[in-house]
Amino acid sequence: MNYTLSVAKKYPAVKFEHCTGYKRAANVSTYNIRFYEGRFVQGVIAGNSARPASPVTSARSPCRSRAGMNAFMLGMQSVNPQAKLKFILINSWYDPARKATRPRR
């Protein structure tokens, strides 16, 4: 995001866009995509394959994941109403080691 802003300052006549960004300027805008639609489909797959154990999912931060978590849960329960979800909050933007050690089923 900072790189986008620094380049935008050098080229004020050029319009820039940043997907999932949160900083804006006169020539920098942001946009997002509907991540939750894919999460719903993942939930349907998990719901069809869930045995008595609950699927486990993780997220980097609570505010960015709420829509995705809800969509996953709705998709899972659309095919398996008794399914439950274990949700692990990592609280880090990038931590592969911590995500790899999260509890499994």
PDB file of N, CA and C in Angstrom:
ATOM      1  N   MET A   1       0.821  -1.180   0.000  1.00  0.00           N
ATOM      2  CA  MET A   1       0.000   0.000   0.000  1.00  0.00           C
ATOM      3  C   MET A   1       0.869   1.250   0.000  1.00  0.00           C
ATOM      4  N   ASN A   2       1.908   1.272   0.806  1.00  0.00           N
ATOM      5  CA  ASN A   2       2.805   2.434   0.834  1.00  0.00           C
ATOM      6  C   ASN A   2       3.525   2.619  -0.499  1.00  0.00           C
ATOM      7  N   TYR A   3       3.865   1.504  -1.149  1.00  0.00           N
ATOM      8  CA  TYR A   3       4.523   1.592  -2.462  1.00  0.00           C
ATOM      9  C   TYR A   3       3.581   2.231  -3.485  1.00  0.00           C
ATOM     10  N   THR A   4       2.325   1.865  -3.428  1.00  0.00           N
ATOM     11  CA  THR A   4       1.340   2.447  -4.345  1.00  0.00           C
ATOM     12  C   THR A   4       1.260   3.953  -4.137  1.00  0.00           C
ATOM     13  N   LEU A   5       1.206   4.380  -2.888  1.00  0.00           N
ATOM     14  CA  LEU A   5       1.130   5.812  -2.596  1.00  0.00           C
ATOM     15  C   LEU A   5       2.390   6.564  -3.030  1.00  0.00           C
ATOM     16  N   SER A   6       3.544   5.939  -2.843  1.00  0.00           N
ATOM     17  CA  SER A   6       4.783   6.626  -3.223  1.00  0.00           C
ATOM     18  C   SER A   6       4.890   6.785  -4.743  1.00  0.00           C
ATOM     19  N   VAL A   7       4.484   5.784  -5.487  1.00  0.00           N
ATOM     20  CA  VAL A   7       4.504   5.881  -6.944  1.00  0.00           C
ATOM     21  C   VAL A   7       3.439   6.877  -7.415  1.00  0.00           C
ATOM     22  N   ALA A   8       2.291   6.875  -6.742  1.00  0.00           N
ATOM     23  CA  ALA A   8       1.223   7.808  -7.110  1.00  0.00           C
ATOM     24  C   ALA A   8       1.668   9.254  -6.930  1.00  0.00           C
ATOM     25  N   LYS A   9       2.491   9.528  -5.932  1.00  0.00           N
ATOM     26  CA  LYS A   9       3.017  10.891  -5.736  1.00  0.00           C
ATOM     27  C   LYS A   9       3.923  11.302  -6.894  1.00  0.00           C
ATOM     28  N   LYS A  10       4.693  10.354  -7.420  1.00  0.00           N
ATOM     29  CA  LYS A  10       5.607  10.655  -8.529  1.00  0.00           C
ATOM     30  C   LYS A  10       4.862  10.912  -9.833  1.00  0.00           C
ATOM     31  N   TYR A  11       3.683  10.291  -9.969  1.00  0.00           N
ATOM     32  CA  TYR A  11       2.902  10.384 -11.209  1.00  0.00           C
ATOM     33  C   TYR A  11       1.475  10.856 -10.903  1.00  0.00           C
ATOM     34  N   PRO A  12       1.298  12.099 -10.551  1.00  0.00           N
ATOM     35  CA  PRO A  12      -0.023  12.594 -10.146  1.00  0.00           C
ATOM     36  C   PRO A  12      -1.077  12.575 -11.249  1.00  0.00           C
ATOM     37  N   ALA A  13      -0.672  12.507 -12.508  1.00  0.00           N
ATOM     38  CA  ALA A  13      -1.640  12.478 -13.607  1.00  0.00           C
ATOM     39  C   ALA A  13      -2.160  11.066 -13.884  1.00  0.00           C
ATOM     40  N   VAL A  14      -1.569  10.074 -13.219  1.00  0.00           N
ATOM     41  CA  VAL A  14      -1.970   8.675 -13.421  1.00  0.00           C
ATOM     42  C   VAL A  14      -2.887   8.254 -12.285  1.00  0.00           C
ATOM     43  N   LYS A  15      -3.952   7.515 -12.613  1.00  0.00           N
ATOM     44  CA  LYS A  15      -4.883   6.987 -11.608  1.00  0.00           C
ATOM     45  C   LYS A  15      -4.443   5.582 -11.211  1.00  0.00           C
ATOM     46  N   PHE A  16      -4.403   5.303  -9.921  1.00  0.00           N
ATOM     47  CA  PHE A  16      -4.006   3.999  -9.396  1.00  0.00           C
ATOM     48  C   PHE A  16      -5.161   3.393  -8.617  1.00  0.00           C
ATOM     49  N   GLU A  17      -5.236   2.060  -8.632  1.00  0.00           N
ATOM     50  CA  GLU A  17      -6.216   1.327  -7.835  1.00  0.00           C
ATOM     51  C   GLU A  17      -5.494   0.219  -7.092  1.00  0.00           C
ATOM     52  N   HIS A  18      -5.952  -0.054  -5.878  1.00  0.00           N
ATOM     53  CA  HIS A  18      -5.328  -1.079  -5.052  1.00  0.00           C
ATOM     54  C   HIS A  18      -6.427  -1.995  -4.506  1.00  0.00           C
ATOM     55  N   CYS A  19      -6.339  -3.279  -4.848  1.00  0.00           N
ATOM     56  CA  CYS A  19      -7.331  -4.240  -4.360  1.00  0.00           C
ATOM     57  C   CYS A  19      -7.082  -4.510  -2.877  1.00  0.00           C
ATOM     58  N   THR A  20      -8.108  -4.465  -2.093  1.00  0.00           N
ATOM     59  CA  THR A  20      -8.125  -4.669  -0.632  1.00  0.00           C
ATOM     60  C   THR A  20      -7.324  -3.618   0.115  1.00  0.00           C
ATOM     61  N   GLY A  21      -6.954  -2.543  -0.547  1.00  0.00           N
ATOM     62  CA  GLY A  21      -6.197  -1.484   0.115  1.00  0.00           C
ATOM     63  C   GLY A  21      -7.068  -0.691   1.073  1.00  0.00           C
ATOM     64  N   TYR A  22      -6.412   0.119   1.898  1.00  0.00           N
ATOM     65  CA  TYR A  22      -7.143   0.928   2.871  1.00  0.00           C
ATOM     66  C   TYR A  22      -6.680   2.380   2.896  1.00  0.00           C
ATOM     67  N   LYS A  23      -5.631   2.703   2.153  1.00  0.00           N
ATOM     68  CA  LYS A  23      -5.146   4.074   2.079  1.00  0.00           C
ATOM     69  C   LYS A  23      -5.512   4.653   0.719  1.00  0.00           C
ATOM     70  N   ARG A  24      -5.906   5.927   0.717  1.00  0.00           N
ATOM     71  CA  ARG A  24      -6.298   6.572  -0.532  1.00  0.00           C
ATOM     72  C   ARG A  24      -5.598   7.908  -0.687  1.00  0.00           C
ATOM     73  N   ALA A  25      -5.571   8.387  -1.912  1.00  0.00           N
ATOM     74  CA  ALA A  25      -5.046   9.716  -2.243  1.00  0.00           C
ATOM     75  C   ALA A  25      -5.870  10.249  -3.406  1.00  0.00           C
ATOM     76  N   ALA A  26      -5.546  11.449  -3.860  1.00  0.00           N
ATOM     77  CA  ALA A  26      -6.310  12.056  -4.951  1.00  0.00           C
ATOM     78  C   ALA A  26      -6.321  11.179  -6.199  1.00  0.00           C
ATOM     79  N   ASN A  27      -5.231  10.464  -6.445  1.00  0.00           N
ATOM     80  CA  ASN A  27      -5.158   9.602  -7.622  1.00  0.00           C
ATOM     81  C   ASN A  27      -5.022   8.112  -7.266  1.00  0.00           C
ATOM     82  N   VAL A  28      -5.383   7.762  -6.031  1.00  0.00           N
ATOM     83  CA  VAL A  28      -5.340   6.354  -5.592  1.00  0.00           C
ATOM     84  C   VAL A  28      -6.707   5.988  -5.017  1.00  0.00           C
ATOM     85  N   SER A  29      -7.307   4.960  -5.588  1.00  0.00           N
ATOM     86  CA  SER A  29      -8.574   4.461  -5.056  1.00  0.00           C
ATOM     87  C   SER A  29      -8.400   2.997  -4.679  1.00  0.00           C
ATOM     88  N   THR A  30      -9.351   2.490  -3.936  1.00  0.00           N
ATOM     89  CA  THR A  30      -9.300   1.090  -3.499  1.00  0.00           C
ATOM     90  C   THR A  30     -10.576   0.376  -3.920  1.00  0.00           C
ATOM     91  N   TYR A  31     -10.489  -0.915  -3.986  1.00  0.00           N
ATOM     92  CA  TYR A  31     -11.658  -1.731  -4.303  1.00  0.00           C
ATOM     93  C   TYR A  31     -11.498  -3.084  -3.623  1.00  0.00           C
ATOM     94  N   ASN A  32     -12.542  -3.849  -3.621  1.00  0.00           N
ATOM     95  CA  ASN A  32     -12.504  -5.165  -3.012  1.00  0.00           C
ATOM     96  C   ASN A  32     -13.285  -6.130  -3.889  1.00  0.00           C
ATOM     97  N   ILE A  33     -13.132  -7.388  -3.629  1.00  0.00           N
ATOM     98  CA  ILE A  33     -13.880  -8.406  -4.355  1.00  0.00           C
ATOM     99  C   ILE A  33     -14.726  -9.182  -3.364  1.00  0.00           C
ATOM    100  N   ARG A  34     -15.581  -9.997  -3.855  1.00  0.00           N
ATOM    101  CA  ARG A  34     -16.507 -10.741  -3.005  1.00  0.00           C
ATOM    102  C   ARG A  34     -15.892 -12.064  -2.570  1.00  0.00           C
ATOM    103  N   PHE A  35     -14.954 -11.982  -1.652  1.00  0.00           N
ATOM    104  CA  PHE A  35     -14.292 -13.187  -1.142  1.00  0.00           C
ATOM    105  C   PHE A  35     -15.290 -14.161  -0.529  1.00  0.00           C
ATOM    106  N   TYR A  36     -16.354 -13.622   0.051  1.00  0.00           N
ATOM    107  CA  TYR A  36     -17.308 -14.469   0.760  1.00  0.00           C
ATOM    108  C   TYR A  36     -18.002 -15.479  -0.155  1.00  0.00           C
ATOM    109  N   GLU A  37     -18.111 -15.191  -1.437  1.00  0.00           N
ATOM    110  CA  GLU A  37     -18.763 -16.141  -2.347  1.00  0.00           C
ATOM    111  C   GLU A  37     -17.968 -17.445  -2.448  1.00  0.00           C
ATOM    112  N   GLY A  38     -16.665 -17.331  -2.563  1.00  0.00           N
ATOM    113  CA  GLY A  38     -15.817 -18.519  -2.584  1.00  0.00           C
ATOM    114  C   GLY A  38     -15.822 -19.246  -1.250  1.00  0.00           C
ATOM    115  N   ARG A  39     -15.881 -18.484  -0.154  1.00  0.00           N
ATOM    116  CA  ARG A  39     -15.918 -19.096   1.182  1.00  0.00           C
ATOM    117  C   ARG A  39     -17.191 -19.922   1.366  1.00  0.00           C
ATOM    118  N   PHE A  40     -18.312 -19.455   0.789  1.00  0.00           N
ATOM    119  CA  PHE A  40     -19.564 -20.214   0.873  1.00  0.00           C
ATOM    120  C   PHE A  40     -19.397 -21.571   0.201  1.00  0.00           C
ATOM    121  N   VAL A  41     -18.813 -21.576  -0.992  1.00  0.00           N
ATOM    122  CA  VAL A  41     -18.595 -22.832  -1.723  1.00  0.00           C
ATOM    123  C   VAL A  41     -17.662 -23.749  -0.929  1.00  0.00           C
ATOM    124  N   GLN A  42     -16.615 -23.180  -0.329  1.00  0.00           N
ATOM    125  CA  GLN A  42     -15.720 -23.986   0.512  1.00  0.00           C
ATOM    126  C   GLN A  42     -16.495 -24.589   1.682  1.00  0.00           C
ATOM    127  N   GLY A  43     -17.432 -23.834   2.239  1.00  0.00           N
ATOM    128  CA  GLY A  43     -18.257 -24.340   3.336  1.00  0.00           C
ATOM    129  C   GLY A  43     -19.143 -25.496   2.904  1.00  0.00           C
ATOM    130  N   VAL A  44     -19.701 -25.409   1.705  1.00  0.00           N
ATOM    131  CA  VAL A  44     -20.521 -26.512   1.181  1.00  0.00           C
ATOM    132  C   VAL A  44     -19.670 -27.777   1.053  1.00  0.00           C
ATOM    133  N   ILE A  45     -18.474 -27.633   0.532  1.00  0.00           N
ATOM    134  CA  ILE A  45     -17.568 -28.780   0.396  1.00  0.00           C
ATOM    135  C   ILE A  45     -17.237 -29.344   1.772  1.00  0.00           C
ATOM    136  N   ALA A  46     -16.922 -28.476   2.719  1.00  0.00           N
ATOM    137  CA  ALA A  46     -16.602 -28.930   4.076  1.00  0.00           C
ATOM    138  C   ALA A  46     -17.799 -29.600   4.727  1.00  0.00           C
ATOM    139  N   GLY A  47     -18.980 -29.041   4.516  1.00  0.00           N
ATOM    140  CA  GLY A  47     -20.192 -29.628   5.096  1.00  0.00           C
ATOM    141  C   GLY A  47     -20.489 -30.997   4.543  1.00  0.00           C
ATOM    142  N   ASN A  48     -20.219 -31.206   3.266  1.00  0.00           N
ATOM    143  CA  ASN A  48     -20.434 -32.523   2.663  1.00  0.00           C
ATOM    144  C   ASN A  48     -19.407 -33.538   3.117  1.00  0.00           C
ATOM    145  N   SER A  49     -18.240 -33.092   3.514  1.00  0.00           N
ATOM    146  CA  SER A  49     -17.190 -34.025   3.916  1.00  0.00           C
ATOM    147  C   SER A  49     -17.009 -34.091   5.424  1.00  0.00           C
ATOM    148  N   ALA A  50     -17.742 -33.265   6.179  1.00  0.00           N
ATOM    149  CA  ALA A  50     -17.578 -33.244   7.640  1.00  0.00           C
ATOM    150  C   ALA A  50     -18.167 -34.504   8.257  1.00  0.00           C
ATOM    151  N   ARG A  51     -17.350 -35.168   9.011  1.00  0.00           N
ATOM    152  CA  ARG A  51     -17.811 -36.309   9.796  1.00  0.00           C
ATOM    153  C   ARG A  51     -18.195 -35.752  11.160  1.00  0.00           C
ATOM    154  N   PRO A  52     -18.232 -36.548  12.175  1.00  0.00           N
ATOM    155  CA  PRO A  52     -18.552 -35.971  13.484  1.00  0.00           C
ATOM    156  C   PRO A  52     -17.591 -34.867  13.913  1.00  0.00           C
ATOM    157  N   ALA A  53     -16.338 -34.926  13.424  1.00  0.00           N
ATOM    158  CA  ALA A  53     -15.375 -33.873  13.772  1.00  0.00           C
ATOM    159  C   ALA A  53     -15.735 -32.578  13.055  1.00  0.00           C
ATOM    160  N   SER A  54     -15.391 -31.480  13.649  1.00  0.00           N
ATOM    161  CA  SER A  54     -15.698 -30.180  13.067  1.00  0.00           C
ATOM    162  C   SER A  54     -14.553 -29.703  12.190  1.00  0.00           C
ATOM    163  N   PRO A  55     -14.872 -29.090  11.054  1.00  0.00           N
ATOM    164  CA  PRO A  55     -13.811 -28.482  10.246  1.00  0.00           C
ATOM    165  C   PRO A  55     -13.135 -27.364  11.035  1.00  0.00           C
ATOM    166  N   VAL A  56     -11.884 -27.110  10.723  1.00  0.00           N
ATOM    167  CA  VAL A  56     -11.123 -26.043  11.381  1.00  0.00           C
ATOM    168  C   VAL A  56     -10.738 -25.023  10.327  1.00  0.00           C
ATOM    169  N   THR A  57     -10.915 -23.768  10.640  1.00  0.00           N
ATOM    170  CA  THR A  57     -10.458 -22.709   9.761  1.00  0.00           C
ATOM    171  C   THR A  57      -9.726 -21.676  10.598  1.00  0.00           C
ATOM    172  N   SER A  58      -8.922 -20.873   9.959  1.00  0.00           N
ATOM    173  CA  SER A  58      -8.179 -19.845  10.687  1.00  0.00           C
ATOM    174  C   SER A  58      -8.303 -18.521   9.962  1.00  0.00           C
ATOM    175  N   ALA A  59      -7.998 -17.454  10.680  1.00  0.00           N
ATOM    176  CA  ALA A  59      -8.057 -16.117  10.093  1.00  0.00           C
ATOM    177  C   ALA A  59      -6.954 -15.258  10.670  1.00  0.00           C
ATOM    178  N   ARG A  60      -6.564 -14.251   9.894  1.00  0.00           N
ATOM    179  CA  ARG A  60      -5.495 -13.347  10.325  1.00  0.00           C
ATOM    180  C   ARG A  60      -5.992 -12.340  11.341  1.00  0.00           C
ATOM    181  N   SER A  61      -7.165 -11.785  11.105  1.00  0.00           N
ATOM    182  CA  SER A  61      -7.684 -10.764  12.006  1.00  0.00           C
ATOM    183  C   SER A  61      -9.201 -10.864  12.049  1.00  0.00           C
ATOM    184  N   PRO A  62      -9.818 -10.466  13.156  1.00  0.00           N
ATOM    185  CA  PRO A  62     -11.268 -10.641  13.270  1.00  0.00           C
ATOM    186  C   PRO A  62     -12.076  -9.779  12.309  1.00  0.00           C
ATOM    187  N   CYS A  63     -11.681  -8.544  12.072  1.00  0.00           N
ATOM    188  CA  CYS A  63     -12.507  -7.661  11.247  1.00  0.00           C
ATOM    189  C   CYS A  63     -12.486  -8.068   9.781  1.00  0.00           C
ATOM    190  N   ARG A  64     -11.370  -8.552   9.274  1.00  0.00           N
ATOM    191  CA  ARG A  64     -11.271  -8.926   7.866  1.00  0.00           C
ATOM    192  C   ARG A  64     -11.948 -10.260   7.581  1.00  0.00           C
ATOM    193  N   SER A  65     -12.217 -11.076   8.584  1.00  0.00           N
ATOM    194  CA  SER A  65     -12.671 -12.430   8.339  1.00  0.00           C
ATOM    195  C   SER A  65     -14.130 -12.685   8.630  1.00  0.00           C
ATOM    196  N   ARG A  66     -14.823 -11.728   9.209  1.00  0.00           N
ATOM    197  CA  ARG A  66     -16.197 -11.982   9.649  1.00  0.00           C
ATOM    198  C   ARG A  66     -17.098 -12.420   8.503  1.00  0.00           C
ATOM    199  N   ALA A  67     -17.096 -11.727   7.389  1.00  0.00           N
ATOM    200  CA  ALA A  67     -17.959 -12.088   6.265  1.00  0.00           C
ATOM    201  C   ALA A  67     -17.585 -13.451   5.709  1.00  0.00           C
ATOM    202  N   GLY A  68     -16.288 -13.717   5.593  1.00  0.00           N
ATOM    203  CA  GLY A  68     -15.841 -15.013   5.088  1.00  0.00           C
ATOM    204  C   GLY A  68     -16.199 -16.153   6.021  1.00  0.00           C
ATOM    205  N   MET A  69     -16.038 -15.927   7.324  1.00  0.00           N
ATOM    206  CA  MET A  69     -16.379 -16.957   8.302  1.00  0.00           C
ATOM    207  C   MET A  69     -17.882 -17.235   8.276  1.00  0.00           C
ATOM    208  N   ASN A  70     -18.687 -16.185   8.224  1.00  0.00           N
ATOM    209  CA  ASN A  70     -20.143 -16.368   8.165  1.00  0.00           C
ATOM    210  C   ASN A  70     -20.556 -17.098   6.895  1.00  0.00           C
ATOM    211  N   ALA A  71     -19.956 -16.742   5.763  1.00  0.00           N
ATOM    212  CA  ALA A  71     -20.285 -17.397   4.502  1.00  0.00           C
ATOM    213  C   ALA A  71     -19.894 -18.870   4.538  1.00  0.00           C
ATOM    214  N   PHE A  72     -18.714 -19.169   5.083  1.00  0.00           N
ATOM    215  CA  PHE A  72     -18.261 -20.556   5.204  1.00  0.00           C
ATOM    216  C   PHE A  72     -19.248 -21.346   6.052  1.00  0.00           C
ATOM    217  N   MET A  73     -19.643 -20.781   7.188  1.00  0.00           N
ATOM    218  CA  MET A  73     -20.564 -21.458   8.092  1.00  0.00           C
ATOM    219  C   MET A  73     -21.930 -21.666   7.435  1.00  0.00           C
ATOM    220  N   LEU A  74     -22.437 -20.656   6.751  1.00  0.00           N
ATOM    221  CA  LEU A  74     -23.733 -20.779   6.069  1.00  0.00           C
ATOM    222  C   LEU A  74     -23.678 -21.845   4.976  1.00  0.00           C
ATOM    223  N   GLY A  75     -22.578 -21.884   4.223  1.00  0.00           N
ATOM    224  CA  GLY A  75     -22.426 -22.911   3.193  1.00  0.00           C
ATOM    225  C   GLY A  75     -22.364 -24.299   3.798  1.00  0.00           C
ATOM    226  N   MET A  76     -21.631 -24.434   4.884  1.00  0.00           N
ATOM    227  CA  MET A  76     -21.488 -25.732   5.549  1.00  0.00           C
ATOM    228  C   MET A  76     -22.830 -26.201   6.103  1.00  0.00           C
ATOM    229  N   GLN A  77     -23.555 -25.299   6.747  1.00  0.00           N
ATOM    230  CA  GLN A  77     -24.832 -25.686   7.339  1.00  0.00           C
ATOM    231  C   GLN A  77     -25.949 -25.831   6.310  1.00  0.00           C
ATOM    232  N   SER A  78     -25.735 -25.326   5.092  1.00  0.00           N
ATOM    233  CA  SER A  78     -26.754 -25.510   4.057  1.00  0.00           C
ATOM    234  C   SER A  78     -26.859 -26.976   3.640  1.00  0.00           C
ATOM    235  N   VAL A  79     -25.788 -27.739   3.804  1.00  0.00           N
ATOM    236  CA  VAL A  79     -25.800 -29.166   3.449  1.00  0.00           C
ATOM    237  C   VAL A  79     -25.672 -30.071   4.669  1.00  0.00           C
ATOM    238  N   ASN A  80     -25.302 -29.509   5.804  1.00  0.00           N
ATOM    239  CA  ASN A  80     -25.130 -30.294   7.030  1.00  0.00           C
ATOM    240  C   ASN A  80     -25.514 -29.408   8.221  1.00  0.00           C
ATOM    241  N   PRO A  81     -26.818 -29.328   8.543  1.00  0.00           N
ATOM    242  CA  PRO A  81     -27.276 -28.404   9.593  1.00  0.00           C
ATOM    243  C   PRO A  81     -26.647 -28.637  10.967  1.00  0.00           C
ATOM    244  N   GLN A  82     -26.162 -29.839  11.239  1.00  0.00           N
ATOM    245  CA  GLN A  82     -25.549 -30.127  12.536  1.00  0.00           C
ATOM    246  C   GLN A  82     -24.058 -29.770  12.584  1.00  0.00           C
ATOM    247  N   ALA A  83     -23.487 -29.383  11.473  1.00  0.00           N
ATOM    248  CA  ALA A  83     -22.050 -29.106  11.419  1.00  0.00           C
ATOM    249  C   ALA A  83     -21.692 -27.922  12.312  1.00  0.00           C
ATOM    250  N   LYS A  84     -20.552 -28.024  12.929  1.00  0.00           N
ATOM    251  CA  LYS A  84     -20.013 -26.944  13.753  1.00  0.00           C
ATOM    252  C   LYS A  84     -18.639 -26.579  13.214  1.00  0.00           C
ATOM    253  N   LEU A  85     -18.196 -25.387  13.524  1.00  0.00           N
ATOM    254  CA  LEU A  85     -16.938 -24.879  12.990  1.00  0.00           C
ATOM    255  C   LEU A  85     -16.022 -24.459  14.134  1.00  0.00           C
ATOM    256  N   LYS A  86     -14.772 -24.909  14.080  1.00  0.00           N
ATOM    257  CA  LYS A  86     -13.754 -24.427  15.017  1.00  0.00           C
ATOM    258  C   LYS A  86     -13.017 -23.300  14.306  1.00  0.00           C
ATOM    259  N   PHE A  87     -13.014 -22.151  14.900  1.00  0.00           N
ATOM    260  CA  PHE A  87     -12.421 -20.972  14.284  1.00  0.00           C
ATOM    261  C   PHE A  87     -11.228 -20.531  15.114  1.00  0.00           C
ATOM    262  N   ILE A  88     -10.052 -20.490  14.510  1.00  0.00           N
ATOM    263  CA  ILE A  88      -8.826 -20.105  15.189  1.00  0.00           C
ATOM    264  C   ILE A  88      -8.384 -18.740  14.674  1.00  0.00           C
ATOM    265  N   LEU A  89      -8.227 -17.791  15.574  1.00  0.00           N
ATOM    266  CA  LEU A  89      -7.774 -16.454  15.206  1.00  0.00           C
ATOM    267  C   LEU A  89      -6.267 -16.373  15.418  1.00  0.00           C
ATOM    268  N   ILE A  90      -5.530 -16.086  14.359  1.00  0.00           N
ATOM    269  CA  ILE A  90      -4.074 -16.047  14.416  1.00  0.00           C
ATOM    270  C   ILE A  90      -3.564 -14.694  14.906  1.00  0.00           C
ATOM    271  N   ASN A  91      -4.302 -13.619  14.637  1.00  0.00           N
ATOM    272  CA  ASN A  91      -3.897 -12.258  15.037  1.00  0.00           C
ATOM    273  C   ASN A  91      -2.558 -11.840  14.462  1.00  0.00           C
ATOM    274  N   SER A  92      -2.304 -12.219  13.240  1.00  0.00           N
ATOM    275  CA  SER A  92      -1.089 -11.819  12.554  1.00  0.00           C
ATOM    276  C   SER A  92      -1.384 -11.779  11.065  1.00  0.00           C
ATOM    277  N   TRP A  93      -0.868 -10.770  10.386  1.00  0.00           N
ATOM    278  CA  TRP A  93      -1.120 -10.670   8.958  1.00  0.00           C
ATOM    279  C   TRP A  93      -0.416 -11.776   8.190  1.00  0.00           C
ATOM    280  N   TYR A  94       0.808 -12.128   8.613  1.00  0.00           N
ATOM    281  CA  TYR A  94       1.558 -13.166   7.906  1.00  0.00           C
ATOM    282  C   TYR A  94       2.380 -13.947   8.922  1.00  0.00           C
ATOM    283  N   ASP A  95       1.973 -15.167   9.201  1.00  0.00           N
ATOM    284  CA  ASP A  95       2.688 -16.013  10.160  1.00  0.00           C
ATOM    285  C   ASP A  95       2.474 -17.478   9.776  1.00  0.00           C
ATOM    286  N   PRO A  96       3.162 -17.966   8.735  1.00  0.00           N
ATOM    287  CA  PRO A  96       2.964 -19.345   8.272  1.00  0.00           C
ATOM    288  C   PRO A  96       3.240 -20.381   9.357  1.00  0.00           C
ATOM    289  N   ALA A  97       4.230 -20.143  10.201  1.00  0.00           N
ATOM    290  CA  ALA A  97       4.550 -21.112  11.243  1.00  0.00           C
ATOM    291  C   ALA A  97       3.404 -21.247  12.236  1.00  0.00           C
ATOM    292  N   ARG A  98       2.839 -20.135  12.638  1.00  0.00           N
ATOM    293  CA  ARG A  98       1.727 -20.185  13.584  1.00  0.00           C
ATOM    294  C   ARG A  98       0.494 -20.828  12.951  1.00  0.00           C
ATOM    295  N   LYS A  99       0.242 -20.520  11.693  1.00  0.00           N
ATOM    296  CA  LYS A  99      -0.910 -21.107  11.011  1.00  0.00           C
ATOM    297  C   LYS A  99      -0.718 -22.619  10.849  1.00  0.00           C
ATOM    298  N   ALA A 100       0.504 -23.058  10.586  1.00  0.00           N
ATOM    299  CA  ALA A 100       0.789 -24.484  10.406  1.00  0.00           C
ATOM    300  C   ALA A 100       0.613 -25.270  11.695  1.00  0.00           C
ATOM    301  N   THR A 101       0.781 -24.621  12.844  1.00  0.00           N
ATOM    302  CA  THR A 101       0.668 -25.339  14.120  1.00  0.00           C
ATOM    303  C   THR A 101      -0.714 -25.234  14.733  1.00  0.00           C
ATOM    304  N   ARG A 102      -1.650 -24.617  14.016  1.00  0.00           N
ATOM    305  CA  ARG A 102      -3.001 -24.518  14.574  1.00  0.00           C
ATOM    306  C   ARG A 102      -3.598 -25.902  14.759  1.00  0.00           C
ATOM    307  N   PRO A 103      -4.507 -26.059  15.698  1.00  0.00           N
ATOM    308  CA  PRO A 103      -5.092 -27.369  15.950  1.00  0.00           C
ATOM    309  C   PRO A 103      -5.827 -27.923  14.725  1.00  0.00           C
ATOM    310  N   ARG A 104      -5.707 -29.163  14.522  1.00  0.00           N
ATOM    311  CA  ARG A 104      -6.445 -29.827  13.441  1.00  0.00           C
ATOM    312  C   ARG A 104      -7.720 -30.415  14.043  1.00  0.00           C
ATOM    313  N   ARG A 105      -8.485 -31.109  13.231  1.00  0.00           N
ATOM    314  CA  ARG A 105      -9.750 -31.688  13.678  1.00  0.00           C
ATOM    315  C   ARG A 105      -9.661 -32.337  14.997  1.00  0.00           C
TER     316      ARG A 105
END
